[in-house]
N, C-alpha and C. Protein backbone atom coordinates (compact mmCIF):
# COMPACT_ATOMS: atom_id res chain seq x y z
N MET A 1 -61.24 28.66 -183.23
CA MET A 1 -62.17 27.49 -183.18
C MET A 1 -61.47 26.14 -182.84
N PHE A 2 -62.11 25.32 -182.15
CA PHE A 2 -61.45 24.01 -181.75
C PHE A 2 -62.37 22.92 -182.20
N THR A 3 -61.60 21.91 -182.60
CA THR A 3 -62.46 20.67 -183.06
C THR A 3 -61.77 19.46 -182.48
N LEU A 4 -62.51 18.54 -182.22
CA LEU A 4 -62.10 17.20 -181.67
C LEU A 4 -62.82 16.13 -182.46
N ASN A 5 -62.11 15.38 -183.07
CA ASN A 5 -62.54 14.22 -183.92
C ASN A 5 -63.52 14.80 -184.97
N GLY A 6 -63.30 15.92 -185.63
CA GLY A 6 -64.17 16.55 -186.54
C GLY A 6 -65.39 17.30 -185.96
N ARG A 7 -65.52 17.44 -184.72
CA ARG A 7 -66.74 18.02 -184.10
C ARG A 7 -66.18 19.40 -183.56
N THR A 8 -66.87 20.38 -183.84
CA THR A 8 -66.49 21.76 -183.35
C THR A 8 -66.96 21.88 -181.92
N LEU A 9 -66.05 22.43 -181.17
CA LEU A 9 -66.35 22.59 -179.58
C LEU A 9 -66.51 23.97 -179.45
N ASN A 10 -67.61 24.30 -178.54
CA ASN A 10 -67.83 25.65 -178.13
C ASN A 10 -67.04 25.97 -176.90
N PRO A 11 -66.12 26.93 -176.89
CA PRO A 11 -65.28 27.26 -175.65
C PRO A 11 -66.09 27.49 -174.42
N ASP A 12 -67.44 27.80 -174.56
CA ASP A 12 -68.20 28.14 -173.33
C ASP A 12 -69.11 27.06 -172.82
N GLU A 13 -68.76 25.94 -173.46
CA GLU A 13 -69.74 24.63 -173.10
C GLU A 13 -68.79 23.47 -172.66
N GLY A 14 -69.20 22.69 -171.83
CA GLY A 14 -68.60 21.57 -171.46
C GLY A 14 -68.73 20.53 -172.57
N PHE A 15 -67.84 19.38 -172.58
CA PHE A 15 -67.95 18.51 -173.53
C PHE A 15 -67.37 17.14 -172.89
N GLN A 16 -67.59 16.02 -173.49
CA GLN A 16 -67.22 14.64 -173.08
C GLN A 16 -66.38 14.14 -174.20
N HIS A 17 -65.29 13.45 -173.69
CA HIS A 17 -64.37 12.68 -174.59
C HIS A 17 -63.73 11.48 -174.01
N GLU A 18 -63.86 10.40 -174.44
CA GLU A 18 -63.47 9.10 -174.05
C GLU A 18 -63.80 8.79 -172.60
N GLY A 19 -65.07 9.04 -172.19
CA GLY A 19 -65.45 8.82 -170.76
C GLY A 19 -65.20 10.02 -169.91
N THR A 20 -64.46 10.98 -170.18
CA THR A 20 -64.09 12.01 -169.33
C THR A 20 -65.00 13.36 -169.59
N SER A 21 -65.63 13.88 -168.60
CA SER A 21 -66.47 15.19 -168.86
C SER A 21 -65.44 16.37 -168.51
N TYR A 22 -65.48 17.15 -169.49
CA TYR A 22 -64.70 18.54 -169.44
C TYR A 22 -65.53 19.66 -169.05
N PRO A 23 -65.25 20.44 -168.08
CA PRO A 23 -66.26 21.46 -167.70
C PRO A 23 -66.27 22.72 -168.67
N GLN A 24 -67.28 23.45 -168.52
CA GLN A 24 -67.48 24.74 -169.09
C GLN A 24 -66.16 25.68 -168.96
N ASN A 25 -65.72 26.33 -170.01
CA ASN A 25 -64.62 27.12 -169.99
C ASN A 25 -63.34 26.37 -169.94
N TRP A 26 -63.30 25.01 -169.99
CA TRP A 26 -62.03 24.20 -169.99
C TRP A 26 -61.14 24.70 -171.18
N LEU A 27 -61.66 24.88 -172.36
CA LEU A 27 -60.93 25.21 -173.46
C LEU A 27 -60.23 26.60 -173.20
N ARG A 28 -60.92 27.42 -172.56
CA ARG A 28 -60.38 28.74 -172.32
C ARG A 28 -59.24 28.91 -171.29
N LEU A 29 -59.39 27.85 -170.35
CA LEU A 29 -58.50 27.93 -169.24
C LEU A 29 -57.17 27.07 -169.34
N THR A 30 -57.04 26.25 -170.39
CA THR A 30 -56.08 25.23 -170.59
C THR A 30 -55.17 25.70 -171.60
N SER A 31 -53.91 25.09 -171.50
CA SER A 31 -52.91 25.43 -172.49
C SER A 31 -53.17 24.73 -173.89
N LEU A 32 -52.51 25.14 -174.83
CA LEU A 32 -52.64 24.55 -176.28
C LEU A 32 -52.00 23.05 -176.10
N GLU A 33 -50.99 22.88 -175.35
CA GLU A 33 -50.43 21.57 -175.20
C GLU A 33 -51.45 20.54 -174.41
N GLU A 34 -52.23 21.03 -173.47
CA GLU A 34 -53.06 20.18 -172.78
C GLU A 34 -54.19 19.83 -173.77
N LYS A 35 -54.59 20.75 -174.59
CA LYS A 35 -55.74 20.61 -175.59
C LYS A 35 -55.27 19.54 -176.56
N GLN A 36 -53.99 19.74 -177.05
CA GLN A 36 -53.50 18.91 -178.05
C GLN A 36 -53.33 17.43 -177.57
N ALA A 37 -53.02 17.31 -176.31
CA ALA A 37 -52.75 16.01 -175.64
C ALA A 37 -54.01 15.10 -175.73
N ILE A 38 -55.23 15.61 -175.76
CA ILE A 38 -56.41 14.81 -175.86
C ILE A 38 -56.95 14.80 -177.38
N GLY A 39 -56.22 15.55 -178.33
CA GLY A 39 -56.65 15.41 -179.75
C GLY A 39 -57.33 16.54 -180.20
N ILE A 40 -57.37 17.63 -179.37
CA ILE A 40 -58.04 18.91 -179.88
C ILE A 40 -57.18 19.68 -180.72
N VAL A 41 -57.83 20.08 -181.90
CA VAL A 41 -57.16 20.87 -182.90
C VAL A 41 -57.66 22.29 -182.94
N GLU A 42 -56.73 23.19 -182.94
CA GLU A 42 -57.18 24.62 -183.06
C GLU A 42 -57.01 25.08 -184.54
N THR A 43 -58.12 25.60 -185.21
CA THR A 43 -58.09 25.91 -186.57
C THR A 43 -58.58 27.38 -186.49
N PRO A 44 -58.05 28.07 -187.48
CA PRO A 44 -58.56 29.58 -187.65
C PRO A 44 -60.00 29.67 -187.98
N ASP A 45 -60.62 30.58 -187.53
CA ASP A 45 -61.94 30.82 -187.81
C ASP A 45 -62.00 31.33 -189.43
N VAL A 46 -62.93 30.60 -189.96
CA VAL A 46 -63.04 31.01 -191.45
C VAL A 46 -64.12 32.04 -191.53
N VAL A 47 -63.42 33.24 -192.09
CA VAL A 47 -64.34 34.46 -192.33
C VAL A 47 -64.95 34.36 -193.59
N ALA A 48 -66.22 34.44 -193.88
CA ALA A 48 -66.76 34.45 -195.11
C ALA A 48 -66.54 35.73 -195.83
N PRO A 49 -66.23 35.65 -197.13
CA PRO A 49 -66.12 36.84 -197.85
C PRO A 49 -67.17 37.78 -197.80
N TRP A 50 -66.89 39.08 -197.78
CA TRP A 50 -68.10 40.04 -197.57
C TRP A 50 -68.59 40.37 -198.97
N TYR A 51 -69.96 40.53 -199.00
CA TYR A 51 -70.65 40.92 -200.26
C TYR A 51 -72.00 41.90 -199.74
N ASP A 52 -72.39 42.76 -200.55
CA ASP A 52 -73.45 43.55 -200.25
C ASP A 52 -74.75 42.86 -200.63
N GLN A 53 -75.56 42.45 -199.69
CA GLN A 53 -76.72 41.71 -199.76
C GLN A 53 -77.89 42.38 -200.59
N ARG A 54 -77.72 43.74 -200.69
CA ARG A 54 -78.69 44.49 -201.53
C ARG A 54 -78.52 44.23 -203.00
N PHE A 55 -77.32 43.77 -203.38
CA PHE A 55 -76.96 43.57 -204.80
C PHE A 55 -76.62 42.22 -205.16
N TYR A 56 -76.19 41.45 -204.22
CA TYR A 56 -75.69 40.11 -204.54
C TYR A 56 -76.38 39.00 -203.63
N TRP A 57 -76.67 37.72 -204.26
CA TRP A 57 -77.13 36.66 -203.43
C TRP A 57 -76.00 35.99 -202.70
N GLY A 58 -74.81 36.10 -203.15
CA GLY A 58 -73.59 35.55 -202.51
C GLY A 58 -72.36 36.19 -203.18
N VAL A 59 -71.18 35.78 -202.92
CA VAL A 59 -70.01 36.19 -203.50
C VAL A 59 -70.03 35.81 -204.85
N ASP A 60 -69.75 36.85 -205.83
CA ASP A 60 -69.78 36.79 -207.28
C ASP A 60 -71.04 36.25 -207.77
N ASN A 61 -72.14 36.48 -207.05
CA ASN A 61 -73.52 35.95 -207.55
C ASN A 61 -74.51 37.21 -207.52
N PRO A 62 -74.51 37.98 -208.47
CA PRO A 62 -75.37 39.21 -208.42
C PRO A 62 -76.77 38.84 -208.68
N LYS A 63 -77.61 39.70 -208.11
CA LYS A 63 -79.09 39.56 -208.28
C LYS A 63 -79.37 40.08 -209.62
N LEU A 64 -80.59 39.71 -210.12
CA LEU A 64 -81.09 40.08 -211.46
C LEU A 64 -81.21 41.71 -211.63
N LEU A 65 -80.46 42.10 -212.64
CA LEU A 65 -80.46 43.52 -212.87
C LEU A 65 -81.62 44.16 -213.57
N ASN A 66 -82.08 43.51 -214.67
CA ASN A 66 -83.31 43.93 -215.41
C ASN A 66 -84.40 43.01 -215.19
N ASP A 67 -85.67 43.56 -215.43
CA ASP A 67 -86.89 42.71 -215.36
C ASP A 67 -86.74 41.52 -216.50
N ARG A 68 -87.33 40.43 -216.09
CA ARG A 68 -87.32 39.20 -217.01
C ARG A 68 -88.66 38.59 -217.18
N GLU A 69 -89.10 38.60 -218.39
CA GLU A 69 -90.30 37.80 -218.70
C GLU A 69 -90.03 36.24 -218.56
N GLU A 70 -90.73 35.64 -217.56
CA GLU A 70 -90.39 34.20 -217.43
C GLU A 70 -90.96 33.21 -218.51
N SER A 71 -90.22 32.21 -218.68
CA SER A 71 -90.60 31.16 -219.63
C SER A 71 -90.39 29.76 -219.02
N ASP A 72 -91.13 28.75 -219.46
CA ASP A 72 -90.95 27.40 -218.89
C ASP A 72 -89.73 26.80 -219.55
N GLU A 73 -89.53 25.44 -219.24
CA GLU A 73 -88.30 24.74 -219.71
C GLU A 73 -88.29 24.68 -221.31
N GLN A 74 -89.50 24.66 -221.90
CA GLN A 74 -89.59 24.56 -223.32
C GLN A 74 -89.63 26.00 -224.04
N GLY A 75 -89.43 27.00 -223.34
CA GLY A 75 -89.41 28.25 -223.86
C GLY A 75 -90.78 29.03 -223.99
N ASN A 76 -91.77 28.30 -223.53
CA ASN A 76 -93.08 28.92 -223.64
C ASN A 76 -93.34 29.98 -222.55
N PRO A 77 -94.01 31.12 -222.88
CA PRO A 77 -94.21 32.15 -221.95
C PRO A 77 -95.04 31.72 -220.73
N MET A 78 -94.72 32.23 -219.61
CA MET A 78 -95.47 31.83 -218.37
C MET A 78 -96.28 33.07 -217.98
N TYR A 79 -97.52 32.84 -217.39
CA TYR A 79 -98.44 33.76 -217.03
C TYR A 79 -98.72 33.81 -215.56
N VAL A 80 -99.29 34.92 -215.05
CA VAL A 80 -99.65 35.02 -213.66
C VAL A 80 -100.86 34.17 -213.42
N GLN A 81 -100.76 33.29 -212.33
CA GLN A 81 -101.81 32.41 -212.02
C GLN A 81 -102.95 33.04 -211.24
N ILE A 82 -104.18 32.68 -211.50
CA ILE A 82 -105.31 33.13 -210.83
C ILE A 82 -106.18 31.88 -210.38
N LEU A 83 -106.93 32.06 -209.40
CA LEU A 83 -107.82 31.02 -208.95
C LEU A 83 -109.11 31.02 -209.77
N GLY A 84 -109.42 29.91 -210.26
CA GLY A 84 -110.62 29.84 -211.14
C GLY A 84 -111.25 28.43 -210.89
N THR A 85 -112.06 27.97 -211.80
CA THR A 85 -112.73 26.65 -211.64
C THR A 85 -112.59 25.98 -212.89
N VAL A 86 -112.43 24.56 -212.75
CA VAL A 86 -112.42 23.62 -213.96
C VAL A 86 -113.43 22.52 -213.58
N ASP A 87 -114.40 22.33 -214.29
CA ASP A 87 -115.44 21.32 -214.07
C ASP A 87 -115.95 21.52 -212.63
N GLY A 88 -116.26 22.69 -212.20
CA GLY A 88 -116.69 23.00 -210.84
C GLY A 88 -115.77 22.89 -209.80
N GLN A 89 -114.63 22.56 -209.97
CA GLN A 89 -113.65 22.46 -209.00
C GLN A 89 -112.60 23.46 -209.01
N PRO A 90 -112.20 24.09 -207.84
CA PRO A 90 -111.24 25.19 -207.86
C PRO A 90 -109.93 24.69 -208.46
N ALA A 91 -109.32 25.58 -209.24
CA ALA A 91 -108.08 25.29 -209.95
C ALA A 91 -107.30 26.57 -210.32
N MET A 92 -105.99 26.41 -210.37
CA MET A 92 -105.14 27.62 -210.69
C MET A 92 -105.16 27.58 -212.38
N LEU A 93 -105.40 28.88 -212.80
CA LEU A 93 -105.51 29.12 -214.25
C LEU A 93 -104.57 30.16 -214.63
N ASN A 94 -104.09 30.17 -215.90
CA ASN A 94 -103.39 31.31 -216.48
C ASN A 94 -104.28 32.58 -216.62
N SER A 95 -103.57 33.70 -216.27
CA SER A 95 -104.23 34.93 -216.67
C SER A 95 -103.73 35.36 -218.01
N THR A 96 -104.07 36.56 -218.37
CA THR A 96 -103.55 37.12 -219.69
C THR A 96 -102.26 37.96 -219.35
N GLU A 97 -101.91 38.01 -218.01
CA GLU A 97 -100.79 38.90 -217.60
C GLU A 97 -99.51 37.96 -217.65
N ARG A 98 -98.48 38.43 -218.36
CA ARG A 98 -97.14 37.75 -218.32
C ARG A 98 -96.56 37.78 -216.96
N LEU A 99 -95.92 36.71 -216.56
CA LEU A 99 -95.15 36.47 -215.41
C LEU A 99 -93.86 37.27 -215.55
N ILE A 100 -93.62 38.21 -214.67
CA ILE A 100 -92.33 38.91 -214.79
C ILE A 100 -91.59 38.93 -213.41
N THR A 101 -90.32 38.69 -213.56
CA THR A 101 -89.56 38.79 -212.35
C THR A 101 -88.80 40.10 -212.35
N ARG A 102 -89.10 40.92 -211.28
CA ARG A 102 -88.58 42.28 -211.27
C ARG A 102 -87.09 42.27 -210.88
N GLY A 103 -86.27 43.10 -211.69
CA GLY A 103 -84.96 43.18 -211.49
C GLY A 103 -84.55 44.34 -210.55
N MET A 104 -83.34 44.40 -210.18
CA MET A 104 -82.99 45.45 -209.16
C MET A 104 -83.26 46.88 -209.75
N LYS A 105 -83.06 47.09 -210.96
CA LYS A 105 -83.22 48.45 -211.51
C LYS A 105 -84.75 48.90 -211.25
N HIS A 106 -85.66 48.02 -211.48
CA HIS A 106 -87.13 48.37 -211.19
C HIS A 106 -87.23 48.66 -209.73
N GLN A 107 -86.67 47.72 -208.89
CA GLN A 107 -86.74 47.95 -207.41
C GLN A 107 -86.15 49.17 -206.89
N TRP A 108 -85.05 49.54 -207.37
CA TRP A 108 -84.29 50.79 -206.89
C TRP A 108 -85.03 52.01 -207.39
N ILE A 109 -85.57 52.08 -208.58
CA ILE A 109 -86.37 53.11 -209.09
C ILE A 109 -87.57 53.30 -208.26
N ALA A 110 -88.27 52.28 -207.88
CA ALA A 110 -89.48 52.27 -207.03
C ALA A 110 -89.10 52.94 -205.69
N GLN A 111 -87.94 52.51 -205.15
CA GLN A 111 -87.50 53.02 -203.81
C GLN A 111 -87.27 54.51 -203.91
N PHE A 112 -86.53 54.98 -204.94
CA PHE A 112 -86.29 56.50 -205.08
C PHE A 112 -87.54 57.20 -205.20
N LYS A 113 -88.59 56.68 -206.00
CA LYS A 113 -89.76 57.39 -206.23
C LYS A 113 -90.60 57.44 -204.91
N GLN A 114 -90.62 56.37 -204.19
CA GLN A 114 -91.31 56.34 -202.91
C GLN A 114 -90.71 57.36 -201.92
N ALA A 115 -89.32 57.47 -201.84
CA ALA A 115 -88.55 58.50 -201.17
C ALA A 115 -89.07 59.86 -201.53
N ALA A 116 -89.03 60.15 -202.87
CA ALA A 116 -89.55 61.46 -203.28
C ALA A 116 -90.90 61.82 -203.00
N ASN A 117 -91.78 60.76 -203.23
CA ASN A 117 -93.26 60.98 -202.82
C ASN A 117 -93.40 61.31 -201.34
N SER A 118 -92.62 60.60 -200.51
CA SER A 118 -92.72 60.95 -199.09
C SER A 118 -92.18 62.25 -198.81
N GLN A 119 -91.21 62.78 -199.37
CA GLN A 119 -90.78 64.19 -199.35
C GLN A 119 -91.84 65.20 -199.78
N LEU A 120 -92.40 64.90 -200.85
CA LEU A 120 -93.39 65.71 -201.48
C LEU A 120 -94.75 65.77 -200.71
N ALA A 121 -94.98 64.65 -200.10
CA ALA A 121 -96.22 64.60 -199.33
C ALA A 121 -96.35 65.63 -198.19
N GLN A 122 -95.16 66.16 -197.73
CA GLN A 122 -95.18 67.12 -196.63
C GLN A 122 -95.76 68.40 -197.09
N THR A 123 -95.66 68.71 -198.33
CA THR A 123 -96.19 70.00 -198.84
C THR A 123 -97.34 69.78 -199.84
N ASP A 124 -97.88 68.63 -200.04
CA ASP A 124 -99.00 68.34 -200.94
C ASP A 124 -100.13 69.19 -200.60
N TRP A 125 -100.41 69.40 -199.36
CA TRP A 125 -101.58 70.21 -198.95
C TRP A 125 -101.42 71.66 -199.52
N MET A 126 -100.37 72.12 -199.72
CA MET A 126 -100.21 73.50 -200.41
C MET A 126 -100.63 73.51 -201.80
N VAL A 127 -100.32 72.34 -202.58
CA VAL A 127 -100.71 72.28 -203.89
C VAL A 127 -102.24 72.04 -204.05
N ILE A 128 -102.86 71.28 -203.12
CA ILE A 128 -104.27 71.19 -203.09
C ILE A 128 -104.86 72.55 -202.72
N ARG A 129 -104.39 73.19 -201.82
CA ARG A 129 -104.89 74.50 -201.42
C ARG A 129 -104.86 75.52 -202.58
N LYS A 130 -103.72 75.46 -203.32
CA LYS A 130 -103.61 76.20 -204.50
C LYS A 130 -104.73 75.78 -205.66
N ALA A 131 -104.92 74.55 -205.79
CA ALA A 131 -105.94 74.17 -206.87
C ALA A 131 -107.35 74.48 -206.36
N GLU A 132 -107.64 74.31 -205.14
CA GLU A 132 -108.99 74.48 -204.68
C GLU A 132 -109.37 75.89 -204.28
N ARG A 133 -108.35 76.63 -203.82
CA ARG A 133 -108.79 77.96 -203.22
C ARG A 133 -107.84 79.14 -203.94
N ASP A 134 -106.95 78.75 -204.78
CA ASP A 134 -106.16 79.65 -205.61
C ASP A 134 -105.22 80.52 -204.57
N ILE A 135 -104.78 79.78 -203.44
CA ILE A 135 -103.86 80.42 -202.48
C ILE A 135 -102.43 80.03 -202.90
N ALA A 136 -101.53 81.01 -203.20
CA ALA A 136 -100.18 80.75 -203.75
C ALA A 136 -99.35 79.91 -202.82
N ILE A 137 -98.56 79.07 -203.58
CA ILE A 137 -97.69 78.20 -202.82
C ILE A 137 -96.32 79.12 -202.75
N PRO A 138 -95.72 79.12 -201.50
CA PRO A 138 -94.44 79.92 -201.27
C PRO A 138 -93.43 79.48 -202.29
N SER A 139 -92.69 80.52 -202.88
CA SER A 139 -91.76 80.23 -203.80
C SER A 139 -90.60 79.20 -203.32
N ASP A 140 -90.21 79.18 -202.08
CA ASP A 140 -89.24 78.32 -201.65
C ASP A 140 -89.66 76.81 -201.66
N VAL A 141 -91.03 76.70 -201.45
CA VAL A 141 -91.75 75.34 -201.40
C VAL A 141 -91.76 74.83 -202.86
N VAL A 142 -92.08 75.77 -203.81
CA VAL A 142 -92.05 75.38 -205.25
C VAL A 142 -90.83 74.94 -205.74
N THR A 143 -89.72 75.65 -205.32
CA THR A 143 -88.24 75.41 -205.68
C THR A 143 -87.80 74.11 -205.03
N ALA A 144 -88.20 73.83 -203.78
CA ALA A 144 -87.90 72.63 -203.07
C ALA A 144 -88.52 71.34 -203.80
N ARG A 145 -89.90 71.51 -204.14
CA ARG A 145 -90.56 70.41 -204.80
C ARG A 145 -89.95 70.12 -206.15
N ALA A 146 -89.67 71.18 -206.91
CA ALA A 146 -88.99 70.99 -208.22
C ALA A 146 -87.63 70.26 -208.06
N ALA A 147 -86.90 70.61 -207.04
CA ALA A 147 -85.58 69.86 -206.82
C ALA A 147 -85.77 68.43 -206.56
N ILE A 148 -86.72 68.19 -205.65
CA ILE A 148 -86.99 66.76 -205.32
C ILE A 148 -87.37 66.00 -206.58
N ILE A 149 -88.24 66.52 -207.44
CA ILE A 149 -88.63 65.86 -208.62
C ILE A 149 -87.44 65.76 -209.65
N ALA A 150 -86.76 66.87 -209.67
CA ALA A 150 -85.62 66.75 -210.68
C ALA A 150 -84.59 65.63 -210.21
N ASN A 151 -84.25 65.64 -208.93
CA ASN A 151 -83.42 64.72 -208.46
C ASN A 151 -83.92 63.15 -208.76
N CYS A 152 -85.13 63.08 -208.48
CA CYS A 152 -85.70 61.73 -208.63
C CYS A 152 -85.70 61.21 -210.07
N THR A 153 -85.97 62.27 -210.99
CA THR A 153 -85.82 61.99 -212.36
C THR A 153 -84.62 61.52 -212.87
N ALA A 154 -83.60 62.35 -212.36
CA ALA A 154 -82.21 62.12 -212.74
C ALA A 154 -81.62 60.84 -212.31
N LYS A 155 -82.00 60.46 -211.04
CA LYS A 155 -81.66 59.17 -210.35
C LYS A 155 -82.40 57.97 -211.17
N GLU A 156 -83.57 58.20 -211.63
CA GLU A 156 -84.28 57.16 -212.44
C GLU A 156 -83.53 57.01 -213.75
N ALA A 157 -83.19 58.04 -214.36
CA ALA A 157 -82.45 57.95 -215.71
C ALA A 157 -81.18 57.28 -215.49
N ALA A 158 -80.38 57.55 -214.50
CA ALA A 158 -79.15 57.02 -214.23
C ALA A 158 -79.26 55.44 -213.93
N ILE A 159 -80.33 55.13 -213.19
CA ILE A 159 -80.42 53.61 -212.92
C ILE A 159 -80.82 52.92 -214.24
N THR A 160 -81.77 53.52 -215.02
CA THR A 160 -82.13 52.91 -216.18
C THR A 160 -80.97 52.69 -217.19
N ALA A 161 -79.90 53.68 -217.10
CA ALA A 161 -78.78 53.57 -218.01
C ALA A 161 -77.76 52.49 -217.56
N CYS A 162 -78.00 52.04 -216.38
CA CYS A 162 -76.98 51.04 -215.89
C CYS A 162 -76.92 49.71 -216.70
N THR A 163 -75.81 49.19 -217.04
CA THR A 163 -75.81 47.99 -217.80
C THR A 163 -75.12 46.77 -216.97
N THR A 164 -74.56 47.15 -215.72
CA THR A 164 -73.88 46.17 -214.97
C THR A 164 -74.36 46.45 -213.43
N VAL A 165 -74.27 45.45 -212.62
CA VAL A 165 -74.54 45.63 -211.25
C VAL A 165 -73.57 46.61 -210.56
N GLU A 166 -72.34 46.59 -211.07
CA GLU A 166 -71.32 47.50 -210.48
C GLU A 166 -71.76 48.91 -210.75
N GLU A 167 -72.16 49.30 -211.94
CA GLU A 167 -72.63 50.54 -212.31
C GLU A 167 -73.80 50.98 -211.41
N LEU A 168 -74.80 50.02 -211.27
CA LEU A 168 -75.86 50.21 -210.24
C LEU A 168 -75.57 50.68 -208.92
N ILE A 169 -74.52 49.95 -208.38
CA ILE A 169 -74.00 50.11 -207.03
C ILE A 169 -73.43 51.59 -206.92
N ILE A 170 -72.71 52.01 -207.96
CA ILE A 170 -72.22 53.47 -208.00
C ILE A 170 -73.32 54.36 -207.95
N VAL A 171 -74.27 54.19 -208.93
CA VAL A 171 -75.35 55.16 -208.90
C VAL A 171 -76.21 55.18 -207.64
N VAL A 172 -76.52 54.08 -207.05
CA VAL A 172 -77.38 54.05 -205.93
C VAL A 172 -76.72 54.48 -204.59
N THR A 173 -75.43 54.14 -204.48
CA THR A 173 -74.78 54.39 -203.23
C THR A 173 -73.87 55.67 -203.31
N GLY A 174 -73.60 56.02 -204.46
CA GLY A 174 -72.67 57.17 -204.67
C GLY A 174 -71.31 56.89 -204.55
N ALA A 175 -70.98 55.53 -204.40
CA ALA A 175 -69.53 55.06 -204.11
C ALA A 175 -68.73 55.28 -205.39
């Protein structure tokens, strides 16, 4: 990365300095000495530390692990807002439902359940056929469906047992 008087220069764009126009690619085609002669400084590119955005908002800033019932600054419970009327005018009113911010455990459990349901959906017609017309479900399908359900149940239990984001990462990714 090149800077001139605190301004970052793009190596593929021309620029002006003290009344002189420098063409496109000038930074790529000139020596370091020529650049330094007009005050250009080469600085190493800063590489931002890596973090997994599924689990962190930023470096060392994990997302919420557990669900949280929200409260205002005074500690009063907050409620889901609904549209209503006050004195004949539209207004936002509190419902009776507490406002809850869902944590990652809730979200990952929902994802695993959705994935299991998608897998089960492929053979749901056999279950319906069994219930409506008493036609047997093939044993390999029964075994596969049971495995899908057991796997999902085990994953849900493992996620529920997590007490840290690091534990959740291991459970979810298998790392």
